[in-house]
């Protein structure tokens, strides 16, 4: 009987175990032993499982033979995990028992949490300018009703806050479009060298106003053609160069470099490398792993003052992913910041 039960449980493609009517674990497959411990076979289920809600579900199923479902919380050494546990009565040669199966729903729970965090962040980002606008409108209708100088100052602030909300909504729509298209690889052919030159030209006035020099290093007399969405790659370049202009500081230099096609190990094939780097103050390396998260900012106050929405690098990451490329960020304090994008050719 034990061989039959063990073979049956081993055939289940998820962590699973069988508990006899005497409340001992009759069999557990390899995923269950990896999850709960290698020596759980033959033990009383109370000593192997421990979590009260799961113990109650098993005890009740053994008593009344009615199916139960509950959650089991764990940790795989890297992150917290959540399993949806199904407890079902089974008939064994020795009597009644239960089959306990663990379905890993960690990813689904993480998505739900990400959605909650996203909604909370968007609400917070919109609430701040909306609160300011409401306050200034009340002031204009009341104390500043007959104060032309004050009215002009408040209207300027209101205009800035309205533009900030407009940028946020625009970035949210852009992020949504990029995510919707992320699995569809672009097929149009694009000369990256021309794109770099035209993007730098359009951002030169902004750089001059911020006392920042724009420079480029492109392959001489050679077209660098890749399969790409022109609007999206222009957005990537614009976001990265604008970040360099805004945050590297007066007197700094933002340089865009582009290599000719060559074999790139990270892509395991022919590709090109696009680098945007600045000579500014740099970023503490502790922030680098989270820079492409939505709404993550190294300096929240300064970012908002500069008109940042906290979504620019998240958009960059998704666009690079859509182009089957790789994004790397390197930075050290007082050593500037370098964004390196590798894109496949063809």
Protein backbone atom coordinates (compact mmCIF):
# COMPACT_ATOMS: atom_id res chain seq x y z
CA UNK A 1 0.00 0.00 0.00
CA UNK A 2 2.78 2.44 0.91
CA UNK A 3 4.44 2.02 -2.50
CA UNK A 4 1.11 2.67 -4.23
CA UNK A 5 0.44 5.82 -2.22
CA UNK A 6 4.02 7.06 -2.68
CA UNK A 7 3.80 6.49 -6.44
CA UNK A 8 0.48 8.29 -6.58
CA UNK A 9 1.81 11.31 -4.70
CA UNK A 10 5.00 11.42 -6.77
CA UNK A 11 2.84 11.82 -9.88
CA UNK A 12 1.33 15.07 -8.57
CA UNK A 13 3.16 18.03 -10.27
CA UNK A 14 3.17 20.23 -7.16
CA UNK A 15 4.08 19.76 -3.50
CA UNK A 16 1.68 17.10 -2.20
CA UNK A 17 1.35 14.71 0.71
CA UNK A 18 -1.09 12.11 2.01
CA UNK A 19 -2.13 11.95 5.66
CA UNK A 20 -3.67 8.78 7.07
CA UNK A 21 -6.59 8.61 9.45
CA UNK A 22 -4.09 8.11 12.32
CA UNK A 23 -2.84 11.62 11.46
CA UNK A 24 0.57 10.42 10.24
CA UNK A 25 2.06 11.49 6.91
CA UNK A 26 1.89 8.40 4.71
CA UNK A 27 3.77 9.86 1.73
CA UNK A 28 5.21 13.13 0.45
CA UNK A 29 6.63 13.86 -3.00
CA UNK A 30 9.98 15.54 -3.67
CA UNK A 31 8.57 19.11 -4.01
CA UNK A 32 6.76 18.67 -0.65
CA UNK A 33 9.95 17.45 1.03
CA UNK A 34 11.83 20.43 -0.42
CA UNK A 35 9.14 22.78 0.93
CA UNK A 36 8.48 21.18 4.34
CA UNK A 37 11.61 19.19 5.14
CA UNK A 38 13.21 15.95 3.99
CA UNK A 39 12.20 13.89 7.04
CA UNK A 40 8.45 14.54 7.18
CA UNK A 41 7.42 11.00 6.14
CA UNK A 42 5.83 9.09 9.02
CA UNK A 43 5.62 12.13 11.29
CA UNK A 44 2.43 13.45 12.84
CA UNK A 45 1.20 16.25 10.61
CA UNK A 46 1.03 18.67 13.59
CA UNK A 47 4.83 18.58 13.92
CA UNK A 48 5.49 18.95 10.18
CA UNK A 49 3.09 21.70 9.15
CA UNK A 50 2.58 23.85 12.26
CA UNK A 51 0.59 26.74 10.76
CA UNK A 52 -2.76 26.84 12.64
CA UNK A 53 -5.07 27.55 9.69
CA UNK A 54 -3.63 24.57 7.75
CA UNK A 55 -3.78 22.29 10.79
CA UNK A 56 -7.44 23.20 11.31
CA UNK A 57 -8.26 22.48 7.66
CA UNK A 58 -6.66 19.01 7.84
CA UNK A 59 -8.26 18.12 11.17
CA UNK A 60 -11.71 19.19 9.95
CA UNK A 61 -11.32 17.30 6.67
CA UNK A 62 -10.27 14.13 8.52
CA UNK A 63 -13.31 14.50 10.80
CA UNK A 64 -16.13 15.33 8.36
CA UNK A 65 -14.47 14.46 4.97
CA UNK A 66 -15.47 17.82 3.50
CA UNK A 67 -12.93 19.60 1.22
CA UNK A 68 -11.07 22.58 2.62
CA UNK A 69 -8.81 25.31 1.20
CA UNK A 70 -6.43 27.64 3.00
CA UNK A 71 -3.10 29.45 2.60
CA UNK A 72 0.39 28.39 3.65
CA UNK A 73 3.03 31.11 4.10
CA UNK A 74 6.73 30.37 3.76
CA UNK A 75 10.08 31.72 2.63
CA UNK A 76 12.42 30.22 0.05
CA UNK A 77 15.49 32.10 1.28
CA UNK A 78 15.02 34.93 -1.25
CA UNK A 79 11.47 36.09 -0.69
CA UNK A 80 8.26 35.37 1.19
CA UNK A 81 6.12 32.75 -0.55
CA UNK A 82 2.39 32.03 -0.54
CA UNK A 83 0.80 28.68 -1.36
CA UNK A 84 -2.88 27.99 -1.88
CA UNK A 85 -3.46 24.67 -0.12
CA UNK A 86 -6.18 22.26 -1.18
CA UNK A 87 -7.19 19.62 1.38
CA UNK A 88 -9.31 16.79 -0.08
CA UNK A 89 -10.54 13.50 1.42
CA UNK A 90 -9.18 10.29 -0.16
CA UNK A 91 -9.90 6.58 0.39
CA UNK A 92 -6.85 4.54 1.33
CA UNK A 93 -6.59 0.75 1.71
CA UNK A 94 -6.20 1.31 5.46
CA UNK A 95 -9.13 3.70 5.73
CA UNK A 96 -9.84 7.37 5.18
CA UNK A 97 -7.19 10.02 4.72
CA UNK A 98 -6.57 13.38 3.10
CA UNK A 99 -4.55 14.59 0.13
CA UNK A 100 -2.88 17.96 0.72
CA UNK A 101 -1.65 19.89 -2.36
CA UNK A 102 0.30 23.17 -2.32
CA UNK A 103 -0.14 25.53 -5.30
CA UNK A 104 2.45 28.31 -5.47
CA UNK A 105 0.54 31.60 -5.89
CA UNK A 106 3.43 33.87 -4.84
CA UNK A 107 3.60 35.55 -8.24
CA UNK A 108 -0.13 36.29 -8.26
CA UNK A 109 0.07 37.80 -4.76
CA UNK A 110 3.04 39.93 -5.82
CA UNK A 111 1.09 41.24 -8.81
CA UNK A 112 -1.84 42.15 -6.56
CA UNK A 113 0.53 43.96 -4.18
CA UNK A 114 2.22 45.76 -7.07
CA UNK A 115 -1.19 46.91 -8.30
CA UNK A 116 -2.08 48.20 -4.83
CA UNK A 117 1.24 50.01 -4.53
CA UNK A 118 0.83 51.49 -8.01
CA UNK A 119 -2.66 52.83 -7.24
CA UNK A 120 -1.43 54.22 -3.92
CA UNK A 121 1.56 55.92 -5.59
CA UNK A 122 -0.53 57.43 -8.39
CA UNK A 123 -3.07 58.69 -5.85
CA UNK A 124 -0.30 60.27 -3.79
CA UNK A 125 1.37 61.87 -6.83
CA UNK A 126 -1.94 63.40 -7.99
CA UNK A 127 -3.17 64.41 -4.54
CA UNK A 128 -0.23 66.76 -3.89
CA UNK A 129 -0.75 69.09 -6.90
CA UNK A 130 -4.54 68.83 -6.59
CA UNK A 131 -4.36 69.90 -2.95
CA UNK A 132 -2.15 72.85 -3.95
CA UNK A 133 -4.55 73.87 -6.73
CA UNK A 134 -7.57 73.73 -4.42
CA UNK A 135 -5.74 75.81 -1.82
CA UNK A 136 -4.70 78.48 -4.29
CA UNK A 137 -8.20 78.66 -5.81
CA UNK A 138 -9.63 79.26 -2.33
CA UNK A 139 -6.99 81.95 -1.74
CA UNK A 140 -7.75 83.67 -5.05
CA UNK A 141 -11.44 83.69 -4.22
CA UNK A 142 -10.78 85.04 -0.73
CA UNK A 143 -7.74 86.87 0.71
CA UNK A 144 -6.07 87.49 -2.69
CA UNK A 145 -9.22 88.66 -4.46
CA UNK A 146 -7.95 92.24 -4.66
CA UNK A 147 -4.21 91.52 -4.79
CA UNK A 148 -3.01 91.53 -8.45
CA UNK A 149 0.60 90.72 -7.55
CA UNK A 150 -0.46 87.80 -5.36
CA UNK A 151 -2.87 86.58 -8.01
CA UNK A 152 -0.13 86.47 -10.63
CA UNK A 153 2.20 84.57 -8.30
CA UNK A 154 -0.50 82.03 -7.38
CA UNK A 155 -1.54 81.58 -11.02
CA UNK A 156 2.08 80.83 -11.97
CA UNK A 157 2.27 78.17 -9.28
CA UNK A 158 -1.08 76.73 -10.33
CA UNK A 159 0.13 76.56 -13.92
CA UNK A 160 3.25 74.66 -12.84
CA UNK A 161 1.18 72.18 -10.78
CA UNK A 162 -1.24 71.65 -13.69
CA UNK A 163 1.69 70.95 -16.04
CA UNK A 164 3.07 68.51 -13.47
CA UNK A 165 -0.22 66.58 -13.42
CA UNK A 166 -0.30 66.63 -17.21
CA UNK A 167 3.23 65.15 -17.36
CA UNK A 168 2.25 62.45 -14.88
CA UNK A 169 -0.85 61.47 -16.86
CA UNK A 170 1.20 61.49 -20.06
CA UNK A 171 3.86 59.21 -18.55
CA UNK A 172 1.20 56.87 -17.18
CA UNK A 173 -0.37 56.56 -20.63
CA UNK A 174 3.04 56.05 -22.19
CA UNK A 175 3.93 53.34 -19.67
CA UNK A 176 0.61 51.61 -20.30
CA UNK A 177 1.17 51.60 -24.06
CA UNK A 178 4.72 50.29 -23.73
CA UNK A 179 3.64 47.47 -21.41
CA UNK A 180 0.82 46.51 -23.78
CA UNK A 181 3.28 46.26 -26.69
CA UNK A 182 6.19 44.74 -24.76
CA UNK A 183 5.78 41.26 -26.29
CA UNK A 184 5.56 42.62 -29.85
CA UNK A 185 9.02 43.14 -31.27
CA UNK A 186 9.45 46.17 -33.59
CA UNK A 187 10.18 45.45 -37.25
CA UNK A 188 10.88 48.93 -38.71
CA UNK A 189 14.50 49.72 -39.62
CA UNK A 190 16.07 52.71 -37.90
CA UNK A 191 19.45 54.45 -38.15
CA UNK A 192 20.44 55.03 -34.53
CA UNK A 193 23.16 57.54 -35.43
CA UNK A 194 20.62 59.84 -37.07
CA UNK A 195 18.27 59.44 -34.11
CA UNK A 196 21.03 60.40 -31.66
CA UNK A 197 21.92 63.53 -33.63
CA UNK A 198 18.32 64.71 -33.99
CA UNK A 199 17.55 64.09 -30.30
CA UNK A 200 20.65 65.99 -29.17
CA UNK A 201 19.74 68.87 -31.49
CA UNK A 202 16.22 69.10 -30.01
CA UNK A 203 17.58 69.12 -26.44
CA UNK A 204 20.42 71.59 -27.01
CA UNK A 205 18.37 74.66 -25.93
CA UNK A 206 17.46 72.94 -22.68
CA UNK A 207 21.11 72.05 -22.08
CA UNK A 208 22.25 75.64 -22.76
CA UNK A 209 19.67 76.99 -20.31
CA UNK A 210 21.09 74.65 -17.65
CA UNK A 211 24.76 75.39 -18.52
CA UNK A 212 25.31 71.75 -19.54
CA UNK A 213 27.32 70.68 -22.58
CA UNK A 214 26.01 67.95 -24.88
CA UNK A 215 28.53 65.78 -26.73
CA UNK A 216 28.38 62.69 -28.91
CA UNK A 217 30.71 59.94 -30.12
CA UNK A 218 29.32 58.12 -33.16
CA UNK A 219 30.85 55.71 -35.72
CA UNK A 220 32.33 57.83 -38.50
CA UNK A 221 30.60 57.59 -41.86
CA UNK A 222 28.67 54.46 -40.89
CA UNK A 223 24.95 53.86 -40.54
CA UNK A 224 23.96 51.90 -37.42
CA UNK A 225 20.69 50.24 -38.36
CA UNK A 226 18.53 48.21 -35.96
CA UNK A 227 14.95 46.96 -35.85
CA UNK A 228 13.25 49.54 -33.66
CA UNK A 229 10.27 51.72 -32.89
CA UNK A 230 11.57 55.23 -33.63
CA UNK A 231 9.20 57.07 -31.29
CA UNK A 232 10.00 54.75 -28.39
CA UNK A 233 13.78 54.87 -28.80
CA UNK A 234 13.58 58.66 -29.15
CA UNK A 235 11.71 58.65 -25.84
CA UNK A 236 14.47 56.53 -24.27
CA UNK A 237 17.18 58.93 -25.46
CA UNK A 238 15.17 61.98 -24.46
CA UNK A 239 14.49 60.65 -20.95
CA UNK A 240 18.13 59.73 -20.33
CA UNK A 241 19.62 62.93 -21.77
CA UNK A 242 17.07 65.10 -19.94
CA UNK A 243 17.94 63.34 -16.68
CA UNK A 244 21.60 64.12 -17.29
CA UNK A 245 20.83 67.77 -18.04
CA UNK A 246 18.59 68.21 -14.98
CA UNK A 247 20.60 66.36 -12.35
CA UNK A 248 24.29 66.49 -13.34
CA UNK A 249 24.65 70.16 -12.40
CA UNK A 250 25.94 73.33 -14.05
CA UNK A 251 29.18 73.00 -15.98
CA UNK A 252 28.82 69.25 -16.49
CA UNK A 253 28.83 67.30 -19.75
CA UNK A 254 26.32 64.75 -21.01
CA UNK A 255 27.79 62.43 -23.65
CA UNK A 256 26.00 60.00 -25.96
CA UNK A 257 28.13 57.19 -27.40
CA UNK A 258 27.15 54.67 -30.05
CA UNK A 259 29.21 51.70 -31.21
CA UNK A 260 29.24 49.99 -34.59
CA UNK A 261 27.63 46.52 -34.75
CA UNK A 262 29.73 43.82 -33.08
CA UNK A 263 29.31 40.56 -31.18
CA UNK A 264 27.90 41.25 -27.70
CA UNK A 265 28.13 38.36 -25.20
CA UNK A 266 25.11 39.55 -23.19
CA UNK A 267 22.97 39.29 -26.31
CA UNK A 268 24.74 36.18 -27.62
CA UNK A 269 24.81 37.75 -31.06
CA UNK A 270 25.46 40.89 -33.08
CA UNK A 271 24.38 44.11 -31.44
CA UNK A 272 25.14 47.76 -30.79
CA UNK A 273 25.82 49.63 -27.59
CA UNK A 274 24.25 52.98 -26.77
CA UNK A 275 25.67 54.86 -23.78
CA UNK A 276 24.39 58.04 -22.13
CA UNK A 277 26.69 59.29 -19.40
CA UNK A 278 27.19 62.49 -17.47
CA UNK A 279 29.99 64.02 -15.42
CA UNK A 280 27.73 64.99 -12.54
CA UNK A 281 27.64 64.13 -8.85
CA UNK A 282 26.65 60.50 -9.42
CA UNK A 283 24.29 58.28 -7.46
CA UNK A 284 24.97 56.21 -4.37
CA UNK A 285 25.22 52.57 -5.60
CA UNK A 286 22.67 51.53 -2.96
CA UNK A 287 19.95 53.13 -5.14
CA UNK A 288 20.93 51.52 -8.46
CA UNK A 289 18.91 48.26 -8.20
CA UNK A 290 15.69 50.22 -7.68
CA UNK A 291 16.12 53.10 -10.14
CA UNK A 292 13.81 51.55 -12.75
CA UNK A 293 10.97 50.95 -10.28
CA UNK A 294 7.85 53.04 -10.79
CA UNK A 295 7.90 56.25 -8.71
CA UNK A 296 11.27 55.43 -7.14
CA UNK A 297 13.34 58.59 -6.65
CA UNK A 298 16.80 59.09 -5.20
CA UNK A 299 15.83 62.60 -4.05
CA UNK A 300 12.04 62.97 -4.06
CA UNK A 301 11.99 66.71 -3.30
CA UNK A 302 14.55 67.62 -5.97
CA UNK A 303 12.91 65.33 -8.55
CA UNK A 304 9.52 67.00 -8.06
CA UNK A 305 11.13 70.45 -8.24
CA UNK A 306 12.64 69.45 -11.59
CA UNK A 307 9.26 68.28 -12.87
CA UNK A 308 10.04 64.57 -12.67
CA UNK A 309 7.22 62.04 -12.41
CA UNK A 310 9.28 59.08 -11.16
CA UNK A 311 8.24 57.02 -14.22
CA UNK A 312 10.90 57.93 -16.77
CA UNK A 313 13.35 55.09 -16.08
CA UNK A 314 10.51 52.56 -15.72
CA UNK A 315 9.42 53.55 -19.25
CA UNK A 316 13.03 53.23 -20.46
CA UNK A 317 13.30 49.71 -19.00
CA UNK A 318 10.09 48.49 -20.66
CA UNK A 319 11.04 49.99 -24.04
CA UNK A 320 14.46 48.33 -23.92
CA UNK A 321 12.80 45.03 -22.99
CA UNK A 322 10.44 45.37 -25.95
CA UNK A 323 13.47 45.76 -28.24
CA UNK A 324 15.00 42.59 -26.71
CA UNK A 325 17.83 44.70 -25.35
CA UNK A 326 19.61 45.05 -22.02
CA UNK A 327 19.87 48.06 -19.71
CA UNK A 328 22.70 48.59 -17.24
CA UNK A 329 23.19 51.51 -14.85
CA UNK A 330 26.58 52.34 -13.33
CA UNK A 331 27.28 55.20 -10.96
CA UNK A 332 29.36 56.28 -7.99
CA UNK A 333 29.26 59.39 -5.87
CA UNK A 334 31.15 62.24 -7.59
CA UNK A 335 31.91 59.97 -10.57
CA UNK A 336 28.88 60.61 -12.77
CA UNK A 337 26.25 58.16 -14.02
CA UNK A 338 26.32 55.87 -17.05
CA UNK A 339 23.31 54.24 -18.73
CA UNK A 340 24.35 51.46 -21.11
CA UNK A 341 21.83 49.97 -23.53
CA UNK A 342 22.66 47.01 -25.77
CA UNK A 343 20.33 46.34 -28.70
CA UNK A 344 20.37 43.38 -31.09
CA UNK A 345 21.01 43.98 -34.78
CA UNK A 346 18.46 42.41 -37.11
